[in-house]
């Protein structure tokens, strides 16, 4: 059996043009190399899985003239040193690194030191590193990467050129997953890819890991929406649309029966309330064309939201969000959590009736005679 290579490694970008969703970073770094304006100490910060280490490796190869076309990545490894600060965070580790810096490269122009999770260094290690970081030899470049910039001491920050990486947009992740699916010969439904992108929370590496998981789960080589929600244990959009219809029809029994079905399928009541909040928010967003762009779902699901938005009033949605928010806030402290959610659903089922009653009681009385 051949060893399996996960998509996050197999499709790791080899050049800046392949990096997804970080154009502001890749353009700046490309221009810096081209114009010989590259700083000797760089700090890459941002969430996990957005391309910090990947960009650091690409930059390391480019400054020494190696690219995907004219040189293998291994050729430049003589000039690239990677240190994981999570497990090498002592003063001694930094002193060993400083000792290496003293020797110029045997080939190429630069020695590049990539220090990952740099916020894990101890204060003593940071202090030992300060002088070298401020005045490194002309052939040394330091690239520090961290997910928690606020934990890096100010004296280190002041010596670095800081690059802030963004969370990757859902649309960009979906486009990348489509390309990989085509290359792998996998048929993928767009709704399923959108769900994977949302679950990844802006991290392309997480999205690729989930993609591999769903491909493995689907023996026929197809990524379907149903397989995705089943494997990731996500509540189907349809449940929220159905319970929304129950609220519109003031069908309290239907809403309670649907909630019971959700619980019997193994879903948590709190997650359901959080999802229902998101559903109300999405319906409210569809009420105005100006805010429609805030809805990051597939076109198929977007049409369903737009249709349901025509039947809900803005007053109902705002009041409903307030009720759901109160339910969310007090869920953990409730002694009977199921009843707590059911009471919330009962209120939402009768909310339209309450609006009608309030409106009728506010009408001026007709004079008799």
Protein backbone atom coordinates (compact mmCIF):
# COMPACT_ATOMS: atom_id res chain seq x y z
CA UNK A 1 0.00 0.00 0.00
CA UNK A 2 1.36 3.40 -1.01
CA UNK A 3 1.71 6.01 1.70
CA UNK A 4 -1.05 8.61 1.57
CA UNK A 5 -0.05 12.28 1.38
CA UNK A 6 -2.63 14.63 2.88
CA UNK A 7 -3.89 17.43 0.63
CA UNK A 8 -2.46 20.14 2.90
CA UNK A 9 1.05 18.82 2.10
CA UNK A 10 0.42 17.63 -1.44
CA UNK A 11 -0.95 21.00 -2.55
CA UNK A 12 1.25 23.25 -0.42
CA UNK A 13 2.05 26.32 -2.57
CA UNK A 14 5.53 26.43 -4.14
CA UNK A 15 5.28 30.07 -5.21
CA UNK A 16 3.57 33.26 -4.06
CA UNK A 17 1.14 33.07 -6.99
CA UNK A 18 -0.32 29.86 -5.50
CA UNK A 19 -0.92 31.31 -2.00
CA UNK A 20 -4.67 31.76 -1.36
CA UNK A 21 -6.21 34.91 0.11
CA UNK A 22 -3.02 36.74 1.15
CA UNK A 23 -2.37 38.97 -1.87
CA UNK A 24 -1.42 41.95 0.31
CA UNK A 25 1.39 39.87 1.85
CA UNK A 26 2.67 38.11 -1.27
CA UNK A 27 2.69 41.31 -3.36
CA UNK A 28 4.66 43.19 -0.69
CA UNK A 29 7.21 40.38 -0.27
CA UNK A 30 7.63 39.93 -4.06
CA UNK A 31 8.25 43.67 -4.49
CA UNK A 32 10.66 43.70 -1.54
CA UNK A 33 12.76 40.92 -3.10
CA UNK A 34 12.64 42.48 -6.56
CA UNK A 35 13.67 45.95 -5.30
CA UNK A 36 16.15 44.64 -2.72
CA UNK A 37 14.14 46.18 0.14
CA UNK A 38 13.66 43.06 2.23
CA UNK A 39 14.06 43.54 5.98
CA UNK A 40 16.32 41.15 7.88
CA UNK A 41 13.74 40.47 10.61
CA UNK A 42 10.12 39.68 9.65
CA UNK A 43 7.20 38.73 11.88
CA UNK A 44 4.36 36.75 10.26
CA UNK A 45 1.29 36.73 12.49
CA UNK A 46 -2.27 35.51 12.01
CA UNK A 47 -4.63 32.58 12.67
CA UNK A 48 -3.64 28.95 12.13
CA UNK A 49 -3.62 27.47 8.65
CA UNK A 50 -3.51 30.72 6.64
CA UNK A 51 -0.06 30.34 5.06
CA UNK A 52 2.51 31.86 7.46
CA UNK A 53 5.04 29.01 7.35
CA UNK A 54 4.34 28.40 3.66
CA UNK A 55 5.14 32.03 2.79
CA UNK A 56 8.26 31.86 4.97
CA UNK A 57 9.54 28.81 3.02
CA UNK A 58 8.73 30.37 -0.35
CA UNK A 59 10.54 33.56 0.67
CA UNK A 60 13.53 31.53 1.87
CA UNK A 61 13.88 29.86 -1.52
CA UNK A 62 13.32 33.04 -3.52
CA UNK A 63 16.02 35.11 -1.78
CA UNK A 64 18.53 32.41 -2.75
CA UNK A 65 17.32 32.21 -6.33
CA UNK A 66 15.56 28.85 -6.02
CA UNK A 67 12.04 28.50 -7.44
CA UNK A 68 9.68 25.64 -8.24
CA UNK A 69 10.92 25.77 -11.85
CA UNK A 70 14.70 25.98 -11.49
CA UNK A 71 15.43 24.22 -8.23
CA UNK A 72 14.13 21.60 -5.89
CA UNK A 73 13.16 22.71 -2.38
CA UNK A 74 15.73 20.32 -0.92
CA UNK A 75 18.58 22.14 -2.71
CA UNK A 76 17.98 25.27 -0.65
CA UNK A 77 17.62 23.44 2.65
CA UNK A 78 21.33 24.05 3.28
CA UNK A 79 20.38 27.69 3.76
CA UNK A 80 17.04 27.25 5.58
CA UNK A 81 16.90 26.49 9.29
CA UNK A 82 13.55 25.88 10.97
CA UNK A 83 13.13 26.03 14.73
CA UNK A 84 9.94 25.09 16.56
CA UNK A 85 9.84 27.47 19.51
CA UNK A 86 7.07 25.43 21.16
CA UNK A 87 9.60 22.72 22.05
CA UNK A 88 12.88 24.69 21.76
CA UNK A 89 12.11 27.71 23.90
CA UNK A 90 15.04 27.94 26.32
CA UNK A 91 18.00 30.33 26.42
CA UNK A 92 20.28 27.44 25.43
CA UNK A 93 18.30 26.81 22.24
CA UNK A 94 18.59 30.46 21.22
CA UNK A 95 22.32 30.50 22.03
CA UNK A 96 22.82 27.49 19.74
CA UNK A 97 20.94 29.36 17.00
CA UNK A 98 23.10 32.49 17.53
CA UNK A 99 26.25 30.34 17.25
CA UNK A 100 25.05 29.05 13.86
CA UNK A 101 24.36 32.60 12.64
CA UNK A 102 28.05 33.48 12.92
CA UNK A 103 28.98 31.26 9.96
CA UNK A 104 28.19 32.57 6.44
CA UNK A 105 26.33 30.33 3.96
CA UNK A 106 28.40 27.83 2.00
CA UNK A 107 26.19 28.32 -1.07
CA UNK A 108 23.69 31.00 -2.03
CA UNK A 109 23.50 34.51 -0.61
CA UNK A 110 21.44 34.16 2.57
CA UNK A 111 20.88 31.92 5.55
CA UNK A 112 17.20 32.08 6.54
CA UNK A 113 16.03 31.18 10.03
CA UNK A 114 12.32 30.38 10.41
CA UNK A 115 11.18 30.33 14.04
CA UNK A 116 7.63 28.98 14.33
CA UNK A 117 5.33 29.70 17.31
CA UNK A 118 7.82 32.33 18.46
CA UNK A 119 5.49 33.52 21.24
CA UNK A 120 6.38 30.32 23.12
CA UNK A 121 9.95 31.50 23.78
CA UNK A 122 10.70 32.31 27.40
CA UNK A 123 11.45 35.92 28.39
CA UNK A 124 15.09 34.98 28.96
CA UNK A 125 15.27 33.46 25.46
CA UNK A 126 13.69 36.60 23.96
CA UNK A 127 16.27 38.78 25.74
CA UNK A 128 19.14 36.58 24.53
CA UNK A 129 17.83 36.95 20.99
CA UNK A 130 17.44 40.76 20.98
CA UNK A 131 20.92 41.87 19.92
CA UNK A 132 21.22 39.33 17.10
CA UNK A 133 17.76 40.22 15.82
CA UNK A 134 18.54 43.94 15.81
CA UNK A 135 21.98 43.70 14.15
CA UNK A 136 22.20 40.37 12.28
CA UNK A 137 25.01 39.63 9.80
CA UNK A 138 24.25 40.84 6.26
CA UNK A 139 23.66 37.26 5.09
CA UNK A 140 21.08 36.35 7.81
CA UNK A 141 17.30 36.76 7.57
CA UNK A 142 14.99 35.91 10.47
CA UNK A 143 11.33 35.03 9.86
CA UNK A 144 9.30 34.70 13.05
CA UNK A 145 5.81 33.18 12.87
CA UNK A 146 3.14 33.31 15.56
CA UNK A 147 -0.59 32.90 16.06
CA UNK A 148 -0.53 35.15 19.15
CA UNK A 149 1.27 38.42 18.42
CA UNK A 150 0.18 39.93 21.75
CA UNK A 151 2.40 37.42 23.58
CA UNK A 152 5.54 38.59 21.78
CA UNK A 153 7.41 41.16 23.88
CA UNK A 154 7.41 44.77 22.54
CA UNK A 155 11.20 44.89 22.19
CA UNK A 156 11.03 42.02 19.69
CA UNK A 157 8.10 43.59 17.81
CA UNK A 158 9.98 46.88 17.45
CA UNK A 159 12.85 45.08 15.69
CA UNK A 160 10.65 43.29 13.14
CA UNK A 161 8.74 44.23 10.03
CA UNK A 162 5.25 42.93 10.86
CA UNK A 163 2.98 41.16 8.34
CA UNK A 164 -0.59 40.43 9.44
CA UNK A 165 -2.17 37.45 7.67
CA UNK A 166 -5.96 37.43 7.22
CA UNK A 167 -8.46 34.66 7.72
CA UNK A 168 -9.14 33.23 4.28
CA UNK A 169 -12.53 34.12 2.81
CA UNK A 170 -15.08 31.31 2.38
CA UNK A 171 -15.33 32.00 -1.38
CA UNK A 172 -11.54 31.65 -1.77
CA UNK A 173 -11.50 28.36 0.16
CA UNK A 174 -14.38 27.00 -1.96
CA UNK A 175 -12.53 27.93 -5.19
CA UNK A 176 -9.39 26.18 -3.97
CA UNK A 177 -11.33 23.06 -2.95
CA UNK A 178 -12.99 22.97 -6.39
CA UNK A 179 -9.59 23.00 -8.12
CA UNK A 180 -8.24 20.23 -5.88
CA UNK A 181 -11.41 18.15 -6.39
CA UNK A 182 -10.94 18.45 -10.17
CA UNK A 183 -7.28 17.42 -9.91
CA UNK A 184 -8.16 14.45 -7.71
CA UNK A 185 -11.09 13.37 -9.90
CA UNK A 186 -13.56 13.90 -7.07
CA UNK A 187 -17.13 15.04 -7.73
CA UNK A 188 -18.14 17.63 -5.15
CA UNK A 189 -21.44 19.41 -4.53
CA UNK A 190 -21.07 23.16 -4.05
CA UNK A 191 -23.24 23.11 -0.90
CA UNK A 192 -20.86 20.55 0.62
CA UNK A 193 -17.77 22.64 -0.19
CA UNK A 194 -19.39 25.73 1.35
CA UNK A 195 -20.09 23.73 4.49
CA UNK A 196 -16.46 22.56 4.67
CA UNK A 197 -15.24 26.15 4.17
CA UNK A 198 -17.51 27.45 6.95
CA UNK A 199 -16.39 24.69 9.32
CA UNK A 200 -12.71 25.54 8.61
CA UNK A 201 -13.22 29.05 10.06
CA UNK A 202 -10.82 30.81 7.69
CA UNK A 203 -8.04 28.19 7.83
CA UNK A 204 -7.27 26.56 4.48
CA UNK A 205 -5.27 23.78 6.13
CA UNK A 206 -8.32 22.83 8.24
CA UNK A 207 -10.49 22.90 5.12
CA UNK A 208 -8.13 20.52 3.30
CA UNK A 209 -8.07 18.17 6.30
CA UNK A 210 -11.89 18.08 6.36
CA UNK A 211 -11.90 17.60 2.56
CA UNK A 212 -9.65 14.53 2.92
CA UNK A 213 -11.90 13.18 5.68
CA UNK A 214 -15.06 13.46 3.58
CA UNK A 215 -13.37 11.91 0.52
CA UNK A 216 -12.29 8.97 2.69
CA UNK A 217 -15.80 8.66 4.14
CA UNK A 218 -17.38 8.64 0.64
CA UNK A 219 -16.43 5.32 -0.94
CA UNK A 220 -17.78 6.37 -4.35
CA UNK A 221 -15.43 9.36 -4.64
CA UNK A 222 -18.23 11.90 -4.37
CA UNK A 223 -18.53 14.68 -1.80
CA UNK A 224 -22.23 15.20 -1.20
CA UNK A 225 -23.98 17.61 1.14
CA UNK A 226 -25.63 14.76 3.04
CA UNK A 227 -22.35 12.89 3.56
CA UNK A 228 -20.71 16.09 4.76
CA UNK A 229 -23.33 16.96 7.39
CA UNK A 230 -23.41 13.34 8.53
CA UNK A 231 -19.63 13.07 8.92
CA UNK A 232 -19.13 16.50 10.51
CA UNK A 233 -22.23 16.07 12.69
CA UNK A 234 -23.70 19.37 11.52
CA UNK A 235 -27.40 20.17 11.74
CA UNK A 236 -28.92 20.42 8.26
CA UNK A 237 -30.10 23.85 7.06
CA UNK A 238 -33.48 22.25 6.35
CA UNK A 239 -34.23 21.84 10.05
CA UNK A 240 -33.95 25.60 10.56
CA UNK A 241 -36.10 26.39 7.53
CA UNK A 242 -38.73 23.91 8.74
CA UNK A 243 -38.80 25.31 12.26
CA UNK A 244 -39.02 28.81 10.76
CA UNK A 245 -42.12 27.71 8.85
CA UNK A 246 -43.59 26.40 12.12
CA UNK A 247 -43.08 29.81 13.74
CA UNK A 248 -44.79 31.54 10.82
CA UNK A 249 -47.74 29.15 11.06
CA UNK A 250 -47.83 29.57 14.88
CA UNK A 251 -47.48 25.80 15.05
CA UNK A 252 -46.13 25.29 18.56
CA UNK A 253 -46.58 21.51 18.48
CA UNK A 254 -44.69 21.22 15.19
CA UNK A 255 -41.73 23.21 16.58
CA UNK A 256 -41.55 21.07 19.73
CA UNK A 257 -41.77 17.79 17.78
CA UNK A 258 -39.00 18.97 15.43
CA UNK A 259 -36.79 19.88 18.40
CA UNK A 260 -37.38 16.41 19.85
CA UNK A 261 -36.28 14.87 16.53
CA UNK A 262 -33.09 16.99 16.62
CA UNK A 263 -32.28 15.77 20.15
CA UNK A 264 -32.94 12.13 19.20
CA UNK A 265 -30.47 12.53 16.31
CA UNK A 266 -27.77 13.27 18.89
CA UNK A 267 -27.50 17.06 18.58
CA UNK A 268 -26.94 19.33 21.56
CA UNK A 269 -29.70 21.77 22.55
CA UNK A 270 -27.25 24.64 23.00
CA UNK A 271 -25.73 24.13 19.53
CA UNK A 272 -29.25 24.13 18.13
CA UNK A 273 -30.04 27.50 19.75
CA UNK A 274 -26.76 28.98 18.46
CA UNK A 275 -27.59 27.68 14.98
CA UNK A 276 -31.12 29.11 15.18
CA UNK A 277 -29.65 32.50 16.11
CA UNK A 278 -27.46 32.31 13.01
CA UNK A 279 -30.52 31.34 10.93
CA UNK A 280 -32.52 34.36 12.16
CA UNK A 281 -29.55 36.62 11.49
CA UNK A 282 -29.20 35.26 7.93
CA UNK A 283 -32.93 35.74 7.24
CA UNK A 284 -32.70 39.31 8.55
CA UNK A 285 -29.68 39.98 6.33
CA UNK A 286 -31.78 38.91 3.31
CA UNK A 287 -34.39 41.57 4.06
CA UNK A 288 -32.22 44.23 2.44
CA UNK A 289 -30.30 43.95 -0.84
CA UNK A 290 -27.51 46.11 0.67
CA UNK A 291 -26.70 43.46 3.30
CA UNK A 292 -27.19 40.41 1.08
CA UNK A 293 -23.42 40.21 0.52
CA UNK A 294 -22.96 39.39 4.23
CA UNK A 295 -24.57 35.99 3.62
CA UNK A 296 -21.77 33.51 2.91
CA UNK A 297 -23.61 30.41 1.75
CA UNK A 298 -24.09 28.66 -1.59
CA UNK A 299 -26.50 30.12 -4.16
CA UNK A 300 -28.96 27.29 -3.57
CA UNK A 301 -29.22 27.98 0.17
CA UNK A 302 -29.22 31.74 -0.40
CA UNK A 303 -32.40 31.45 -2.48
CA UNK A 304 -34.11 29.60 0.39
CA UNK A 305 -33.13 32.36 2.81
CA UNK A 306 -34.42 35.04 0.45
CA UNK A 307 -37.73 33.22 0.06
CA UNK A 308 -38.25 32.85 3.82
CA UNK A 309 -37.21 36.48 4.39
CA UNK A 310 -40.22 37.66 2.38
CA UNK A 311 -42.54 35.97 4.91
CA UNK A 312 -40.88 37.22 8.12
CA UNK A 313 -41.21 40.79 9.34
CA UNK A 314 -38.12 42.63 10.57
CA UNK A 315 -39.87 43.22 13.92
CA UNK A 316 -40.42 39.49 14.38
CA UNK A 317 -36.78 38.66 13.53
CA UNK A 318 -35.36 41.29 15.90
CA UNK A 319 -37.64 40.22 18.75
CA UNK A 320 -36.87 36.58 17.99
CA UNK A 321 -33.12 37.23 18.09
CA UNK A 322 -33.54 38.86 21.49
CA UNK A 323 -35.45 35.83 22.82
CA UNK A 324 -32.84 33.44 21.39
CA UNK A 325 -30.01 35.51 22.85
CA UNK A 326 -31.56 35.31 26.32
CA UNK A 327 -31.98 31.55 25.91
CA UNK A 328 -28.32 31.25 24.87
CA UNK A 329 -27.07 33.32 27.82
CA UNK A 330 -28.98 31.34 30.47
CA UNK A 331 -28.71 27.85 28.92
CA UNK A 332 -25.70 26.69 30.99
CA UNK A 333 -27.21 27.80 34.30
CA UNK A 334 -30.63 26.26 33.61
CA UNK A 335 -31.59 23.23 35.77
CA UNK A 336 -33.85 21.83 33.03
CA UNK A 337 -32.10 22.70 29.78
CA UNK A 338 -34.57 20.94 27.50
CA UNK A 339 -37.51 22.83 29.01
CA UNK A 340 -35.47 26.04 28.77
CA UNK A 341 -35.14 25.59 24.98
CA UNK A 342 -38.77 24.43 24.60
CA UNK A 343 -39.99 27.55 26.41
CA UNK A 344 -37.97 29.64 23.95
CA UNK A 345 -39.59 27.80 21.01
CA UNK A 346 -43.06 28.31 22.53
CA UNK A 347 -42.44 32.06 22.77
CA UNK A 348 -41.25 32.20 19.16
CA UNK A 349 -44.29 30.21 18.01
CA UNK A 350 -46.67 32.72 19.62
CA UNK A 351 -44.69 35.87 18.81
CA UNK A 352 -46.67 36.71 15.66
CA UNK A 353 -49.91 36.35 17.64
CA UNK A 354 -48.54 38.72 20.28
CA UNK A 355 -47.76 41.31 17.60
CA UNK A 356 -51.28 40.98 16.18
CA UNK A 357 -52.86 41.34 19.64
CA UNK A 358 -50.75 44.42 20.42
CA UNK A 359 -51.68 46.02 17.09
CA UNK A 360 -55.41 45.38 17.58
CA UNK A 361 -55.40 46.71 21.16
CA UNK A 362 -53.74 49.89 19.96
CA UNK A 363 -56.48 50.72 17.42
CA UNK A 364 -58.67 53.72 18.34
CA UNK A 365 -62.20 52.75 19.50
CA UNK A 366 -65.09 53.73 17.25
CA UNK A 367 -67.61 56.20 18.64
CA UNK A 368 -71.13 54.81 19.17
CA UNK A 369 -74.06 56.86 17.88
